[in-house]
C-alpha cells in the first residue's frame, strides 16, 4: 500500500465546505435565525448594494448572501452583505443614505 504524504485530518479539522462551495449554513443571532452563504470573489459577477452600509458590492468582491431560515424566507428575501457589515449588524441597523 502506498504511503500517504499528507497528514490525516479528522472531520472537525476540515475546512467549512460551505464557505468554499457556496452551501449555506445557519446562524442564530438576536435578530433571528438566518441562512448564510459565502460568495467568493471569483463567483461574484454582479453589482449589489449592501443593506448594512448602503455601499456597492462590486464584481470580484467576496461577500455573503443572507436570507431568513424560517419557512417565510424565499429567493426574494436574499440580501447580499459585506462580511464585515453582516458581522456588525447588531451594532448597525440596515440603512439607506441615497
PDB file of N, CA and C in Angstrom:
ATOM      1  N   UNK A   1       0.843  -1.160   0.000  1.00  0.00           N
ATOM      2  CA  UNK A   1       0.000   0.000   0.000  1.00  0.00           C
ATOM      3  C   UNK A   1       0.905   1.245   0.000  1.00  0.00           C
ATOM      4  N   UNK A   2       0.593   2.266  -0.843  1.00  0.00           N
ATOM      5  CA  UNK A   2       1.411   3.472  -0.896  1.00  0.00           C
ATOM      6  C   UNK A   2       1.284   4.295   0.385  1.00  0.00           C
ATOM      7  N   UNK A   3       2.339   5.031   0.656  1.00  0.00           N
ATOM      8  CA  UNK A   3       2.380   5.880   1.844  1.00  0.00           C
ATOM      9  C   UNK A   3       1.631   7.189   1.595  1.00  0.00           C
ATOM     10  N   UNK A   4       0.922   7.666   2.589  1.00  0.00           N
ATOM     11  CA  UNK A   4       0.256   8.973   2.486  1.00  0.00           C
ATOM     12  C   UNK A   4       1.249  10.055   2.864  1.00  0.00           C
ATOM     13  N   UNK A   5       1.435  11.039   2.003  1.00  0.00           N
ATOM     14  CA  UNK A   5       2.392  12.105   2.258  1.00  0.00           C
ATOM     15  C   UNK A   5       1.803  13.272   3.038  1.00  0.00           C
ATOM     16  N   UNK A   6       0.527  13.329   3.142  1.00  0.00           N
ATOM     17  CA  UNK A   6      -0.070  14.424   3.905  1.00  0.00           C
ATOM     18  C   UNK A   6      -0.718  13.858   5.156  1.00  0.00           C
ATOM     19  N   UNK A   7      -0.659  14.623   6.215  1.00  0.00           N
ATOM     20  CA  UNK A   7      -1.244  14.128   7.467  1.00  0.00           C
ATOM     21  C   UNK A   7      -2.753  13.995   7.354  1.00  0.00           C
ATOM     22  N   UNK A   8      -3.291  13.006   8.009  1.00  0.00           N
ATOM     23  CA  UNK A   8      -4.739  12.823   8.009  1.00  0.00           C
ATOM     24  C   UNK A   8      -5.414  13.874   8.854  1.00  0.00           C
ATOM     25  N   UNK A   9      -6.607  14.255   8.458  1.00  0.00           N
ATOM     26  CA  UNK A   9      -7.384  15.237   9.218  1.00  0.00           C
ATOM     27  C   UNK A   9      -8.710  14.608   9.582  1.00  0.00           C
ATOM     28  N   UNK A  10      -9.077  14.774  10.826  1.00  0.00           N
ATOM     29  CA  UNK A  10     -10.399  14.271  11.173  1.00  0.00           C
ATOM     30  C   UNK A  10     -11.443  15.290  10.735  1.00  0.00           C
ATOM     31  N   UNK A  11     -12.680  14.953  10.848  1.00  0.00           N
ATOM     32  CA  UNK A  11     -13.780  15.776  10.330  1.00  0.00           C
ATOM     33  C   UNK A  11     -13.827  17.168  10.968  1.00  0.00           C
ATOM     34  N   UNK A  12     -13.464  17.299  12.225  1.00  0.00           N
ATOM     35  CA  UNK A  12     -13.534  18.593  12.908  1.00  0.00           C
ATOM     36  C   UNK A  12     -12.488  19.575  12.370  1.00  0.00           C
ATOM     37  N   UNK A  13     -11.398  19.088  11.818  1.00  0.00           N
ATOM     38  CA  UNK A  13     -10.342  19.963  11.327  1.00  0.00           C
ATOM     39  C   UNK A  13     -10.520  20.358   9.864  1.00  0.00           C
ATOM     40  N   UNK A  14     -11.439  19.751   9.180  1.00  0.00           N
ATOM     41  CA  UNK A  14     -11.638  20.061   7.764  1.00  0.00           C
ATOM     42  C   UNK A  14     -12.211  21.460   7.601  1.00  0.00           C
ATOM     43  N   UNK A  15     -11.850  22.149   6.516  1.00  0.00           N
ATOM     44  CA  UNK A  15     -12.428  23.482   6.315  1.00  0.00           C
ATOM     45  C   UNK A  15     -13.919  23.392   6.044  1.00  0.00           C
ATOM     46  N   UNK A  16     -14.635  24.448   6.352  1.00  0.00           N
ATOM     47  CA  UNK A  16     -16.073  24.502   6.102  1.00  0.00           C
ATOM     48  C   UNK A  16     -16.308  24.534   4.602  1.00  0.00           C
ATOM     49  N   UNK A  17     -16.799  23.428   4.049  1.00  0.00           N
ATOM     50  CA  UNK A  17     -17.020  23.365   2.606  1.00  0.00           C
ATOM     51  C   UNK A  17     -18.072  24.355   2.146  1.00  0.00           C
ATOM     52  N   UNK A  18     -18.964  24.742   3.024  1.00  0.00           N
ATOM     53  CA  UNK A  18     -19.979  25.725   2.661  1.00  0.00           C
ATOM     54  C   UNK A  18     -19.381  27.058   2.296  1.00  0.00           C
ATOM     55  N   UNK A  19     -18.290  27.431   2.949  1.00  0.00           N
ATOM     56  CA  UNK A  19     -17.684  28.716   2.646  1.00  0.00           C
ATOM     57  C   UNK A  19     -16.953  28.694   1.317  1.00  0.00           C
ATOM     58  N   UNK A  20     -16.556  27.513   0.868  1.00  0.00           N
ATOM     59  CA  UNK A  20     -15.833  27.414  -0.392  1.00  0.00           C
ATOM     60  C   UNK A  20     -16.775  27.154  -1.557  1.00  0.00           C
ATOM     61  N   UNK A  21     -17.747  26.290  -1.348  1.00  0.00           N
ATOM     62  CA  UNK A  21     -18.583  25.846  -2.455  1.00  0.00           C
ATOM     63  C   UNK A  21     -19.894  26.592  -2.594  1.00  0.00           C
ATOM     64  N   UNK A  22     -20.263  27.414  -1.627  1.00  0.00           N
ATOM     65  CA  UNK A  22     -21.497  28.158  -1.729  1.00  0.00           C
ATOM     66  C   UNK A  22     -22.657  27.544  -0.976  1.00  0.00           C
ATOM     67  N   UNK A  23     -22.441  26.482  -0.224  1.00  0.00           N
ATOM     68  CA  UNK A  23     -23.505  25.915   0.584  1.00  0.00           C
ATOM     69  C   UNK A  23     -23.825  26.867   1.712  1.00  0.00           C
ATOM     70  N   UNK A  24     -25.062  26.901   2.116  1.00  0.00           N
ATOM     71  CA  UNK A  24     -25.481  27.801   3.195  1.00  0.00           C
ATOM     72  C   UNK A  24     -25.346  27.101   4.543  1.00  0.00           C
ATOM     73  N   UNK A  25     -25.045  27.890   5.567  1.00  0.00           N
ATOM     74  CA  UNK A  25     -25.055  27.387   6.930  1.00  0.00           C
ATOM     75  C   UNK A  25     -25.951  28.295   7.759  1.00  0.00           C
ATOM     76  N   UNK A  26     -26.484  27.753   8.832  1.00  0.00           N
ATOM     77  CA  UNK A  26     -27.409  28.508   9.686  1.00  0.00           C
ATOM     78  C   UNK A  26     -26.633  29.318  10.711  1.00  0.00           C
ATOM     79  N   UNK A  27     -27.096  30.538  10.963  1.00  0.00           N
ATOM     80  CA  UNK A  27     -26.557  31.403  12.013  1.00  0.00           C
ATOM     81  C   UNK A  27     -27.729  31.931  12.815  1.00  0.00           C
ATOM     82  N   UNK A  28     -27.561  31.921  14.123  1.00  0.00           N
ATOM     83  CA  UNK A  28     -28.587  32.444  15.013  1.00  0.00           C
ATOM     84  C   UNK A  28     -28.042  33.679  15.710  1.00  0.00           C
ATOM     85  N   UNK A  29     -28.838  34.718  15.741  1.00  0.00           N
ATOM     86  CA  UNK A  29     -28.449  35.958  16.400  1.00  0.00           C
ATOM     87  C   UNK A  29     -29.641  36.568  17.096  1.00  0.00           C
ATOM     88  N   UNK A  30     -29.452  37.736  17.699  1.00  0.00           N
ATOM     89  CA  UNK A  30     -30.565  38.388  18.380  1.00  0.00           C
ATOM     90  C   UNK A  30     -31.684  38.791  17.419  1.00  0.00           C
ATOM     91  N   UNK A  31     -31.359  38.865  16.130  1.00  0.00           N
ATOM     92  CA  UNK A  31     -32.358  39.254  15.132  1.00  0.00           C
ATOM     93  C   UNK A  31     -33.005  38.054  14.446  1.00  0.00           C
ATOM     94  N   UNK A  32     -32.772  36.849  14.949  1.00  0.00           N
ATOM     95  CA  UNK A  32     -33.417  35.664  14.395  1.00  0.00           C
ATOM     96  C   UNK A  32     -32.426  34.668  13.837  1.00  0.00           C
ATOM     97  N   UNK A  33     -32.956  33.690  13.120  1.00  0.00           N
ATOM     98  CA  UNK A  33     -32.128  32.655  12.507  1.00  0.00           C
ATOM     99  C   UNK A  33     -32.029  32.920  11.009  1.00  0.00           C
ATOM    100  N   UNK A  34     -30.822  32.797  10.484  1.00  0.00           N
ATOM    101  CA  UNK A  34     -30.540  33.129   9.089  1.00  0.00           C
ATOM    102  C   UNK A  34     -29.751  32.025   8.418  1.00  0.00           C
ATOM    103  N   UNK A  35     -29.937  31.886   7.136  1.00  0.00           N
ATOM    104  CA  UNK A  35     -29.083  31.039   6.321  1.00  0.00           C
ATOM    105  C   UNK A  35     -28.078  31.954   5.646  1.00  0.00           C
ATOM    106  N   UNK A  36     -26.809  31.607   5.738  1.00  0.00           N
ATOM    107  CA  UNK A  36     -25.727  32.454   5.247  1.00  0.00           C
ATOM    108  C   UNK A  36     -24.879  31.642   4.278  1.00  0.00           C
ATOM    109  N   UNK A  37     -24.643  32.213   3.117  1.00  0.00           N
ATOM    110  CA  UNK A  37     -23.802  31.563   2.109  1.00  0.00           C
ATOM    111  C   UNK A  37     -22.666  32.509   1.748  1.00  0.00           C
ATOM    112  N   UNK A  38     -21.453  32.018   1.753  1.00  0.00           N
ATOM    113  CA  UNK A  38     -20.287  32.809   1.372  1.00  0.00           C
ATOM    114  C   UNK A  38     -20.140  32.784  -0.146  1.00  0.00           C
ATOM    115  N   UNK A  39     -19.911  33.946  -0.726  1.00  0.00           N
ATOM    116  CA  UNK A  39     -19.679  34.068  -2.163  1.00  0.00           C
ATOM    117  C   UNK A  39     -18.233  34.493  -2.359  1.00  0.00           C
ATOM    118  N   UNK A  40     -17.387  33.622  -2.907  1.00  0.00           N
ATOM    119  CA  UNK A  40     -16.000  34.024  -3.161  1.00  0.00           C
ATOM    120  C   UNK A  40     -15.932  35.065  -4.272  1.00  0.00           C
ATOM    121  N   UNK A  41     -14.884  35.852  -4.272  1.00  0.00           N
ATOM    122  CA  UNK A  41     -14.743  36.907  -5.267  1.00  0.00           C
ATOM    123  C   UNK A  41     -14.791  36.397  -6.692  1.00  0.00           C
ATOM    124  N   UNK A  42     -14.299  35.190  -6.921  1.00  0.00           N
ATOM    125  CA  UNK A  42     -14.303  34.642  -8.278  1.00  0.00           C
ATOM    126  C   UNK A  42     -15.705  34.334  -8.783  1.00  0.00           C
ATOM    127  N   UNK A  43     -16.676  34.198  -7.866  1.00  0.00           N
ATOM    128  CA  UNK A  43     -18.061  33.914  -8.270  1.00  0.00           C
ATOM    129  C   UNK A  43     -18.963  35.137  -8.217  1.00  0.00           C
ATOM    130  N   UNK A  44     -18.435  36.250  -7.750  1.00  0.00           N
ATOM    131  CA  UNK A  44     -19.227  37.477  -7.658  1.00  0.00           C
ATOM    132  C   UNK A  44     -19.123  38.220  -8.990  1.00  0.00           C
ATOM    133  N   UNK A  45     -20.177  38.149  -9.785  1.00  0.00           N
ATOM    134  CA  UNK A  45     -20.131  38.707 -11.137  1.00  0.00           C
ATOM    135  C   UNK A  45     -21.043  39.912 -11.337  1.00  0.00           C
ATOM    136  N   UNK A  46     -21.873  40.233 -10.356  1.00  0.00           N
ATOM    137  CA  UNK A  46     -22.799  41.357 -10.488  1.00  0.00           C
ATOM    138  C   UNK A  46     -22.551  42.368  -9.378  1.00  0.00           C
ATOM    139  N   UNK A  47     -23.097  43.556  -9.546  1.00  0.00           N
ATOM    140  CA  UNK A  47     -23.016  44.592  -8.518  1.00  0.00           C
ATOM    141  C   UNK A  47     -24.264  44.515  -7.645  1.00  0.00           C
ATOM    142  N   UNK A  48     -24.054  44.524  -6.325  1.00  0.00           N
ATOM    143  CA  UNK A  48     -25.143  44.509  -5.358  1.00  0.00           C
ATOM    144  C   UNK A  48     -24.957  45.692  -4.417  1.00  0.00           C
ATOM    145  N   UNK A  49     -25.992  46.024  -3.658  1.00  0.00           N
ATOM    146  CA  UNK A  49     -25.895  47.087  -2.661  1.00  0.00           C
ATOM    147  C   UNK A  49     -26.060  46.465  -1.284  1.00  0.00           C
ATOM    148  N   UNK A  50     -25.077  46.668  -0.431  1.00  0.00           N
ATOM    149  CA  UNK A  50     -25.080  46.118   0.928  1.00  0.00           C
ATOM    150  C   UNK A  50     -26.097  46.874   1.788  1.00  0.00           C
ATOM    151  N   UNK A  51     -27.036  46.175   2.427  1.00  0.00           N
ATOM    152  CA  UNK A  51     -28.007  46.868   3.273  1.00  0.00           C
ATOM    153  C   UNK A  51     -27.402  47.375   4.573  1.00  0.00           C
ATOM    154  N   UNK A  52     -26.226  46.923   4.936  1.00  0.00           N
ATOM    155  CA  UNK A  52     -25.601  47.359   6.178  1.00  0.00           C
ATOM    156  C   UNK A  52     -24.944  48.721   6.070  1.00  0.00           C
ATOM    157  N   UNK A  53     -24.266  48.979   4.940  1.00  0.00           N
ATOM    158  CA  UNK A  53     -23.549  50.252   4.787  1.00  0.00           C
ATOM    159  C   UNK A  53     -24.053  51.072   3.610  1.00  0.00           C
ATOM    160  N   UNK A  54     -24.930  50.496   2.806  1.00  0.00           N
ATOM    161  CA  UNK A  54     -25.508  51.145   1.632  1.00  0.00           C
ATOM    162  C   UNK A  54     -24.459  51.444   0.557  1.00  0.00           C
ATOM    163  N   UNK A  55     -23.332  50.731   0.580  1.00  0.00           N
ATOM    164  CA  UNK A  55     -22.328  50.865  -0.470  1.00  0.00           C
ATOM    165  C   UNK A  55     -22.454  49.697  -1.434  1.00  0.00           C
ATOM    166  N   UNK A  56     -21.919  49.875  -2.625  1.00  0.00           N
ATOM    167  CA  UNK A  56     -21.971  48.807  -3.618  1.00  0.00           C
ATOM    168  C   UNK A  56     -21.002  47.688  -3.281  1.00  0.00           C
ATOM    169  N   UNK A  57     -21.413  46.472  -3.617  1.00  0.00           N
ATOM    170  CA  UNK A  57     -20.528  45.318  -3.605  1.00  0.00           C
ATOM    171  C   UNK A  57     -20.211  45.059  -5.068  1.00  0.00           C
ATOM    172  N   UNK A  58     -19.042  45.389  -5.487  1.00  0.00           N
ATOM    173  CA  UNK A  58     -18.670  45.311  -6.888  1.00  0.00           C
ATOM    174  C   UNK A  58     -18.301  43.889  -7.297  1.00  0.00           C
ATOM    175  N   UNK A  59     -18.376  43.582  -8.598  1.00  0.00           N
ATOM    176  CA  UNK A  59     -17.962  42.253  -9.067  1.00  0.00           C
ATOM    177  C   UNK A  59     -16.527  41.957  -8.631  1.00  0.00           C
ATOM    178  N   UNK A  60     -16.294  40.723  -8.217  1.00  0.00           N
ATOM    179  CA  UNK A  60     -14.980  40.310  -7.760  1.00  0.00           C
ATOM    180  C   UNK A  60     -14.750  40.490  -6.276  1.00  0.00           C
ATOM    181  N   UNK A  61     -15.736  41.055  -5.570  1.00  0.00           N
ATOM    182  CA  UNK A  61     -15.607  41.286  -4.129  1.00  0.00           C
ATOM    183  C   UNK A  61     -16.250  40.122  -3.373  1.00  0.00           C
ATOM    184  N   UNK A  62     -15.499  39.431  -2.514  1.00  0.00           N
ATOM    185  CA  UNK A  62     -16.119  38.376  -1.715  1.00  0.00           C
ATOM    186  C   UNK A  62     -17.137  38.974  -0.742  1.00  0.00           C
ATOM    187  N   UNK A  63     -18.242  38.277  -0.528  1.00  0.00           N
ATOM    188  CA  UNK A  63     -19.294  38.752   0.359  1.00  0.00           C
ATOM    189  C   UNK A  63     -20.157  37.580   0.796  1.00  0.00           C
ATOM    190  N   UNK A  64     -21.246  37.854   1.521  1.00  0.00           N
ATOM    191  CA  UNK A  64     -22.166  36.799   1.944  1.00  0.00           C
ATOM    192  C   UNK A  64     -23.568  37.109   1.436  1.00  0.00           C
ATOM    193  N   UNK A  65     -24.337  36.058   1.205  1.00  0.00           N
ATOM    194  CA  UNK A  65     -25.751  36.169   0.850  1.00  0.00           C
ATOM    195  C   UNK A  65     -26.528  35.608   2.030  1.00  0.00           C
ATOM    196  N   UNK A  66     -27.536  36.350   2.486  1.00  0.00           N
ATOM    197  CA  UNK A  66     -28.260  36.009   3.702  1.00  0.00           C
ATOM    198  C   UNK A  66     -29.758  36.032   3.425  1.00  0.00           C
ATOM    199  N   UNK A  67     -30.480  35.067   4.003  1.00  0.00           N
ATOM    200  CA  UNK A  67     -31.932  35.065   3.915  1.00  0.00           C
ATOM    201  C   UNK A  67     -32.490  34.383   5.159  1.00  0.00           C
ATOM    202  N   UNK A  68     -33.752  34.678   5.520  1.00  0.00           N
ATOM    203  CA  UNK A  68     -34.350  34.103   6.731  1.00  0.00           C
ATOM    204  C   UNK A  68     -34.388  32.580   6.657  1.00  0.00           C
ATOM    205  N   UNK A  69     -34.121  31.925   7.787  1.00  0.00           N
ATOM    206  CA  UNK A  69     -34.090  30.468   7.825  1.00  0.00           C
ATOM    207  C   UNK A  69     -35.474  29.858   7.976  1.00  0.00           C
ATOM    208  N   UNK A  70     -36.454  30.647   8.374  1.00  0.00           N
ATOM    209  CA  UNK A  70     -37.784  30.073   8.569  1.00  0.00           C
ATOM    210  C   UNK A  70     -38.483  29.855   7.237  1.00  0.00           C
ATOM    211  N   UNK A  71     -39.653  29.282   7.288  1.00  0.00           N
ATOM    212  CA  UNK A  71     -40.378  28.939   6.065  1.00  0.00           C
ATOM    213  C   UNK A  71     -40.870  30.152   5.291  1.00  0.00           C
ATOM    214  N   UNK A  72     -40.851  31.328   5.907  1.00  0.00           N
ATOM    215  CA  UNK A  72     -41.313  32.521   5.192  1.00  0.00           C
ATOM    216  C   UNK A  72     -40.229  33.095   4.283  1.00  0.00           C
ATOM    217  N   UNK A  73     -38.968  32.687   4.476  1.00  0.00           N
ATOM    218  CA  UNK A  73     -37.878  33.187   3.642  1.00  0.00           C
ATOM    219  C   UNK A  73     -37.929  32.585   2.247  1.00  0.00           C
ATOM    220  N   UNK A  74     -37.690  33.420   1.238  1.00  0.00           N
ATOM    221  CA  UNK A  74     -37.696  32.930  -0.131  1.00  0.00           C
ATOM    222  C   UNK A  74     -36.538  33.573  -0.887  1.00  0.00           C
ATOM    223  N   UNK A  75     -36.443  33.273  -2.168  1.00  0.00           N
ATOM    224  CA  UNK A  75     -35.395  33.837  -3.012  1.00  0.00           C
ATOM    225  C   UNK A  75     -35.482  35.362  -3.024  1.00  0.00           C
ATOM    226  N   UNK A  76     -36.678  35.895  -2.958  1.00  0.00           N
ATOM    227  CA  UNK A  76     -36.853  37.348  -2.968  1.00  0.00           C
ATOM    228  C   UNK A  76     -36.327  38.003  -1.691  1.00  0.00           C
ATOM    229  N   UNK A  77     -36.144  37.220  -0.626  1.00  0.00           N
ATOM    230  CA  UNK A  77     -35.676  37.760   0.648  1.00  0.00           C
ATOM    231  C   UNK A  77     -34.159  37.734   0.795  1.00  0.00           C
ATOM    232  N   UNK A  78     -33.445  37.219  -0.208  1.00  0.00           N
ATOM    233  CA  UNK A  78     -31.982  37.163  -0.117  1.00  0.00           C
ATOM    234  C   UNK A  78     -31.389  38.557  -0.213  1.00  0.00           C
ATOM    235  N   UNK A  79     -30.384  38.808   0.598  1.00  0.00           N
ATOM    236  CA  UNK A  79     -29.666  40.078   0.570  1.00  0.00           C
ATOM    237  C   UNK A  79     -28.175  39.803   0.553  1.00  0.00           C
ATOM    238  N   UNK A  80     -27.450  40.593  -0.214  1.00  0.00           N
ATOM    239  CA  UNK A  80     -26.001  40.476  -0.319  1.00  0.00           C
ATOM    240  C   UNK A  80     -25.370  41.500   0.610  1.00  0.00           C
ATOM    241  N   UNK A  81     -24.502  41.050   1.516  1.00  0.00           N
ATOM    242  CA  UNK A  81     -23.866  41.881   2.528  1.00  0.00           C
ATOM    243  C   UNK A  81     -22.348  41.758   2.419  1.00  0.00           C
ATOM    244  N   UNK A  82     -21.633  42.847   2.747  1.00  0.00           N
ATOM    245  CA  UNK A  82     -20.207  42.712   3.008  1.00  0.00           C
ATOM    246  C   UNK A  82     -20.094  41.852   4.266  1.00  0.00           C
ATOM    247  N   UNK A  83     -19.082  41.009   4.335  1.00  0.00           N
ATOM    248  CA  UNK A  83     -18.953  40.147   5.508  1.00  0.00           C
ATOM    249  C   UNK A  83     -18.849  40.972   6.803  1.00  0.00           C
ATOM    250  N   UNK A  84     -18.057  42.037   6.789  1.00  0.00           N
ATOM    251  CA  UNK A  84     -17.903  42.866   7.993  1.00  0.00           C
ATOM    252  C   UNK A  84     -19.220  43.528   8.388  1.00  0.00           C
ATOM    253  N   UNK A  85     -19.996  43.964   7.422  1.00  0.00           N
ATOM    254  CA  UNK A  85     -21.294  44.577   7.726  1.00  0.00           C
ATOM    255  C   UNK A  85     -22.240  43.546   8.339  1.00  0.00           C
ATOM    256  N   UNK A  86     -22.228  42.323   7.813  1.00  0.00           N
ATOM    257  CA  UNK A  86     -23.082  41.276   8.349  1.00  0.00           C
ATOM    258  C   UNK A  86     -22.690  40.956   9.787  1.00  0.00           C
ATOM    259  N   UNK A  87     -21.402  40.866  10.060  1.00  0.00           N
ATOM    260  CA  UNK A  87     -20.955  40.540  11.411  1.00  0.00           C
ATOM    261  C   UNK A  87     -21.216  41.681  12.389  1.00  0.00           C
ATOM    262  N   UNK A  88     -21.339  42.917  11.894  1.00  0.00           N
ATOM    263  CA  UNK A  88     -21.589  44.077  12.747  1.00  0.00           C
ATOM    264  C   UNK A  88     -23.061  44.474  12.770  1.00  0.00           C
ATOM    265  N   UNK A  89     -23.952  43.655  12.277  1.00  0.00           N
ATOM    266  CA  UNK A  89     -25.359  44.041  12.153  1.00  0.00           C
ATOM    267  C   UNK A  89     -26.019  44.317  13.497  1.00  0.00           C
ATOM    268  N   UNK A  90     -25.517  43.741  14.582  1.00  0.00           N
ATOM    269  CA  UNK A  90     -26.093  44.013  15.897  1.00  0.00           C
ATOM    270  C   UNK A  90     -25.766  45.436  16.351  1.00  0.00           C
ATOM    271  N   UNK A  91     -24.646  45.972  15.873  1.00  0.00           N
ATOM    272  CA  UNK A  91     -24.251  47.332  16.244  1.00  0.00           C
ATOM    273  C   UNK A  91     -24.768  48.373  15.268  1.00  0.00           C
ATOM    274  N   UNK A  92     -25.042  47.940  14.020  1.00  0.00           N
ATOM    275  CA  UNK A  92     -25.531  48.873  12.997  1.00  0.00           C
ATOM    276  C   UNK A  92     -26.781  48.291  12.380  1.00  0.00           C
ATOM    277  N   UNK A  93     -27.782  49.071  12.218  1.00  0.00           N
ATOM    278  CA  UNK A  93     -29.004  48.631  11.568  1.00  0.00           C
ATOM    279  C   UNK A  93     -28.926  48.931  10.079  1.00  0.00           C
ATOM    280  N   UNK A  94     -29.638  48.173   9.254  1.00  0.00           N
ATOM    281  CA  UNK A  94     -29.660  48.497   7.824  1.00  0.00           C
ATOM    282  C   UNK A  94     -30.153  49.921   7.613  1.00  0.00           C
ATOM    283  N   UNK A  95     -29.549  50.606   6.646  1.00  0.00           N
ATOM    284  CA  UNK A  95     -29.956  51.987   6.390  1.00  0.00           C
ATOM    285  C   UNK A  95     -29.873  52.305   4.922  1.00  0.00           C
ATOM    286  N   UNK A  96     -30.464  53.393   4.571  1.00  0.00           N
ATOM    287  CA  UNK A  96     -30.454  53.893   3.197  1.00  0.00           C
ATOM    288  C   UNK A  96     -30.001  55.324   3.237  1.00  0.00           C
ATOM    289  N   UNK A  97     -28.920  55.646   2.561  1.00  0.00           N
ATOM    290  CA  UNK A  97     -28.422  57.011   2.531  1.00  0.00           C
ATOM    291  C   UNK A  97     -28.701  57.683   1.213  1.00  0.00           C
ATOM    292  N   UNK A  98     -29.207  56.937   0.255  1.00  0.00           N
ATOM    293  CA  UNK A  98     -29.452  57.507  -1.068  1.00  0.00           C
ATOM    294  C   UNK A  98     -30.643  58.403  -1.072  1.00  0.00           C
TER     295      UNK A  98
END
